[in-house]
N, C-alpha and C. Protein backbone atom coordinates (compact mmCIF):
# COMPACT_ATOMS: atom_id res chain seq x y z
N MET A 1 0.66 -1.37 0.25
CA MET A 1 -0.16 0.28 0.14
C MET A 1 0.69 1.28 -0.22
N SER A 2 0.30 1.55 -0.74
CA SER A 2 1.33 3.48 -0.93
C SER A 2 1.13 4.50 0.02
N ILE A 3 2.20 4.83 0.51
CA ILE A 3 2.05 5.89 1.65
C ILE A 3 0.62 6.82 1.63
N LYS A 4 0.34 7.83 0.06
CA LYS A 4 -0.47 8.11 -0.10
C LYS A 4 -2.50 7.23 0.68
N ALA A 5 -2.50 6.45 -0.29
CA ALA A 5 -3.31 5.09 -0.14
C ALA A 5 -3.52 5.01 1.90
N GLN A 6 -2.41 4.82 2.08
CA GLN A 6 -2.39 4.50 3.67
C GLN A 6 -2.70 6.39 4.37
N ILE A 7 -2.34 7.74 4.05
CA ILE A 7 -2.80 7.95 4.70
C ILE A 7 -4.42 8.94 4.52
N ASP A 8 -4.66 8.27 2.91
CA ASP A 8 -6.16 8.16 2.88
C ASP A 8 -6.99 7.73 3.38
N ASP A 9 -6.82 6.34 4.20
CA ASP A 9 -7.41 5.18 4.71
C ASP A 9 -7.90 5.94 6.29
N VAL A 10 -6.36 6.17 6.83
CA VAL A 10 -6.41 6.83 7.70
C VAL A 10 -7.39 8.25 7.84
N ALA A 11 -7.22 9.14 6.88
CA ALA A 11 -8.22 10.09 6.78
C ALA A 11 -9.89 9.92 6.87
N ARG A 12 -10.09 8.81 6.50
CA ARG A 12 -11.20 8.33 6.29
C ARG A 12 -12.07 7.79 7.84
N LYS A 13 -10.59 7.13 8.58
CA LYS A 13 -11.04 6.94 9.71
C LYS A 13 -11.37 7.80 10.62
N ILE A 14 -10.28 8.70 10.75
CA ILE A 14 -10.83 10.08 11.25
C ILE A 14 -12.05 10.42 11.06
N ASN A 15 -12.24 10.76 9.84
CA ASN A 15 -13.77 11.37 9.89
C ASN A 15 -14.93 10.85 9.94
N GLU A 16 -14.64 9.35 9.92
CA GLU A 16 -15.87 8.23 10.07
C GLU A 16 -16.04 8.25 12.28
N CYS A 17 -14.81 8.55 12.94
CA CYS A 17 -15.11 8.76 14.23
C CYS A 17 -15.98 10.02 14.87
N LEU A 18 -15.20 10.97 13.86
CA LEU A 18 -15.96 12.42 13.75
C LEU A 18 -17.08 12.09 13.60
N VAL A 19 -17.48 12.25 12.62
CA VAL A 19 -19.49 11.53 12.31
C VAL A 19 -19.97 11.26 13.11
N GLU A 20 -19.38 9.88 14.07
CA GLU A 20 -20.07 9.21 15.07
C GLU A 20 -19.94 9.81 15.79
N LEU A 21 -19.01 10.59 16.31
CA LEU A 21 -19.00 11.30 17.62
C LEU A 21 -20.31 12.57 17.38
N GLU A 22 -20.48 13.37 16.57
CA GLU A 22 -21.36 14.48 15.92
C GLU A 22 -23.21 13.31 16.14
N GLN A 23 -23.02 12.01 15.75
CA GLN A 23 -24.18 11.90 15.46
C GLN A 23 -25.04 11.39 17.02
N ILE A 24 -23.94 11.30 17.93
CA ILE A 24 -24.57 10.68 19.35
C ILE A 24 -24.31 11.96 20.28
N GLY A 25 -24.78 13.23 19.80
CA GLY A 25 -24.34 14.66 20.37
C GLY A 25 -23.31 15.11 20.94
N CYS A 26 -21.97 14.44 20.18
CA CYS A 26 -20.65 15.50 20.81
C CYS A 26 -20.22 16.03 20.15
N GLU A 27 -19.05 17.08 20.95
CA GLU A 27 -18.81 17.79 19.95
C GLU A 27 -17.21 17.71 20.01
N PHE A 28 -16.50 17.16 18.78
CA PHE A 28 -15.24 17.51 18.92
C PHE A 28 -14.70 18.52 19.45
N LYS A 29 -13.19 19.01 19.82
CA LYS A 29 -12.58 20.51 19.76
C LYS A 29 -11.62 20.71 19.36
N GLY A 30 -10.41 19.81 18.65
CA GLY A 30 -9.56 20.04 18.47
C GLY A 30 -8.83 18.73 18.67
N GLU A 31 -7.55 19.33 17.97
CA GLU A 31 -5.96 18.53 18.61
C GLU A 31 -5.91 18.37 19.17
N GLU A 32 -6.06 18.94 20.51
CA GLU A 32 -5.92 18.46 21.98
C GLU A 32 -6.86 17.53 22.44
N GLY A 33 -7.93 17.09 21.78
CA GLY A 33 -9.11 15.75 21.96
C GLY A 33 -9.91 16.44 22.94
N LEU A 34 -10.30 17.35 23.36
CA LEU A 34 -11.34 17.54 24.03
C LEU A 34 -12.48 17.19 23.72
N VAL A 35 -13.62 16.45 24.35
CA VAL A 35 -14.92 16.52 23.05
C VAL A 35 -15.59 17.11 24.79
N ASP A 36 -17.00 17.48 24.36
CA ASP A 36 -17.90 18.15 24.95
C ASP A 36 -19.22 17.06 24.82
N PHE A 37 -19.87 16.78 26.22
CA PHE A 37 -21.07 16.19 25.50
C PHE A 37 -22.20 17.25 26.54
N HIS A 38 -23.00 17.27 25.69
CA HIS A 38 -24.59 18.26 26.05
C HIS A 38 -25.40 17.70 27.67
N GLY A 39 -25.79 18.34 28.29
CA GLY A 39 -25.77 17.71 29.71
C GLY A 39 -26.88 19.07 29.91
N LYS A 40 -26.92 18.33 31.15
CA LYS A 40 -27.61 19.55 32.53
C LYS A 40 -27.38 18.66 33.96
N LEU A 41 -26.85 20.16 34.61
CA LEU A 41 -26.44 20.18 36.14
C LEU A 41 -27.68 21.10 36.76
N GLU A 42 -27.65 20.65 38.03
CA GLU A 42 -29.04 21.13 38.76
C GLU A 42 -29.97 21.86 38.18
N GLY A 43 -30.19 21.82 37.13
CA GLY A 43 -31.43 21.59 36.08
C GLY A 43 -31.06 22.74 34.57
N ARG A 44 -30.20 23.25 35.15
CA ARG A 44 -29.14 24.09 33.40
C ARG A 44 -28.49 23.54 32.84
N GLU A 45 -28.60 24.11 31.77
CA GLU A 45 -27.79 23.25 30.24
C GLU A 45 -26.45 23.67 30.51
N MET A 46 -25.68 22.04 30.08
CA MET A 46 -23.99 22.98 30.04
C MET A 46 -23.45 21.54 29.34
N LEU A 47 -21.85 21.81 29.76
CA LEU A 47 -21.05 20.89 28.99
C LEU A 47 -20.33 19.78 29.80
N TRP A 48 -20.69 18.04 29.71
CA TRP A 48 -19.60 17.60 30.27
C TRP A 48 -18.20 17.61 29.46
N CYS A 49 -17.21 17.80 29.69
CA CYS A 49 -15.78 17.77 29.71
C CYS A 49 -14.95 16.63 29.35
N TRP A 50 -14.24 16.31 28.48
CA TRP A 50 -13.33 15.03 28.41
C TRP A 50 -12.38 15.44 27.40
N LYS A 51 -11.17 15.21 28.10
CA LYS A 51 -9.81 15.63 27.33
C LYS A 51 -9.00 14.17 27.07
N LEU A 52 -8.44 13.61 26.38
CA LEU A 52 -7.54 13.23 25.98
C LEU A 52 -6.74 12.90 27.25
N GLY A 53 -6.83 11.44 27.68
CA GLY A 53 -5.76 10.98 28.70
C GLY A 53 -6.67 10.73 30.10
N GLU A 54 -7.93 11.37 30.10
CA GLU A 54 -8.58 11.39 31.35
C GLU A 54 -9.17 10.05 31.18
N ASP A 55 -9.37 9.37 32.14
CA ASP A 55 -10.12 8.11 32.56
C ASP A 55 -11.49 8.29 32.55
N ARG A 56 -12.16 9.46 32.87
CA ARG A 56 -13.18 9.35 33.32
C ARG A 56 -13.57 10.87 32.66
N ILE A 57 -15.03 11.30 32.74
CA ILE A 57 -15.88 12.77 32.48
C ILE A 57 -15.54 13.06 34.06
N THR A 58 -14.77 14.01 34.25
CA THR A 58 -14.18 14.31 35.47
C THR A 58 -14.84 16.03 35.75
N HIS A 59 -15.23 16.94 34.68
CA HIS A 59 -15.40 18.34 34.95
C HIS A 59 -16.72 18.61 33.93
N TRP A 60 -16.96 19.52 34.04
CA TRP A 60 -18.10 20.15 33.30
C TRP A 60 -17.71 22.14 32.67
N HIS A 61 -18.08 23.02 31.88
CA HIS A 61 -18.39 23.71 31.87
C HIS A 61 -19.88 24.72 31.32
N GLU A 62 -20.14 25.20 31.69
CA GLU A 62 -21.19 26.49 30.86
C GLU A 62 -20.58 26.20 29.57
N LEU A 63 -21.91 26.70 28.73
CA LEU A 63 -21.90 27.36 27.15
C LEU A 63 -21.24 27.80 26.62
N ASP A 64 -21.56 28.41 26.78
CA ASP A 64 -20.10 29.67 26.99
C ASP A 64 -18.40 30.35 27.29
N ALA A 65 -18.35 28.93 28.30
CA ALA A 65 -16.70 29.23 28.97
C ALA A 65 -15.95 28.72 27.93
N GLY A 66 -16.45 27.19 27.33
CA GLY A 66 -15.32 26.74 26.97
C GLY A 66 -14.33 26.07 28.10
N PHE A 67 -13.41 25.72 27.34
CA PHE A 67 -11.73 24.92 28.30
C PHE A 67 -11.32 25.16 29.22
N GLN A 68 -11.31 27.15 29.21
CA GLN A 68 -10.55 27.61 30.17
C GLN A 68 -11.80 27.46 31.38
N GLY A 69 -13.35 27.53 31.25
CA GLY A 69 -13.81 27.65 32.25
C GLY A 69 -14.32 26.06 32.92
N ARG A 70 -13.92 25.21 33.09
CA ARG A 70 -13.82 23.84 32.92
C ARG A 70 -13.47 24.02 34.62
N GLN A 71 -14.92 23.35 35.17
CA GLN A 71 -14.73 23.10 36.85
C GLN A 71 -14.93 21.64 36.69
N PRO A 72 -14.48 21.28 38.17
CA PRO A 72 -14.84 19.65 38.49
C PRO A 72 -16.20 19.18 38.88
N ILE A 73 -16.48 18.06 38.71
CA ILE A 73 -17.61 17.88 38.82
C ILE A 73 -18.41 18.14 40.38
N PRO A 74 -19.30 18.05 40.78
CA PRO A 74 -19.16 18.12 42.31
C PRO A 74 -18.74 16.93 43.00
N GLU A 75 -18.36 16.39 43.71
CA GLU A 75 -18.13 15.34 44.85
C GLU A 75 -19.58 14.51 44.52
N VAL A 76 -20.77 14.95 44.88
CA VAL A 76 -21.85 14.43 45.30
C VAL A 76 -22.30 13.32 43.60
N LEU A 77 -22.18 13.62 42.32
CA LEU A 77 -22.01 13.46 41.67
C LEU A 77 -20.76 12.25 40.44
N SER A 78 -19.97 12.63 41.15
CA SER A 78 -18.47 11.91 40.81
C SER A 78 -18.55 10.77 40.96
N ARG A 79 -18.95 10.47 42.54
CA ARG A 79 -19.28 8.97 43.05
C ARG A 79 -20.82 8.71 42.58
N ALA A 80 -21.53 9.13 41.59
CA ALA A 80 -22.27 8.03 41.03
C ALA A 80 -22.10 7.00 39.90
């Protein structure tokens, strides 16, 4: 297999993953490996936030706050 064919194959797989994330309601946030999941916390719309390398979702942020606004999930929820 040529280098170009290998690159095309990897690009196709990446695109398939991005489409799958979008289909299940997730937002891929770029090269840093960030993924946001829409949800609710204490009755308000927010985003659960996961970063590549994290074992599980441990943070959230307001819809307009972005990664800089990440906050730890309240302890009572993280034990659930």
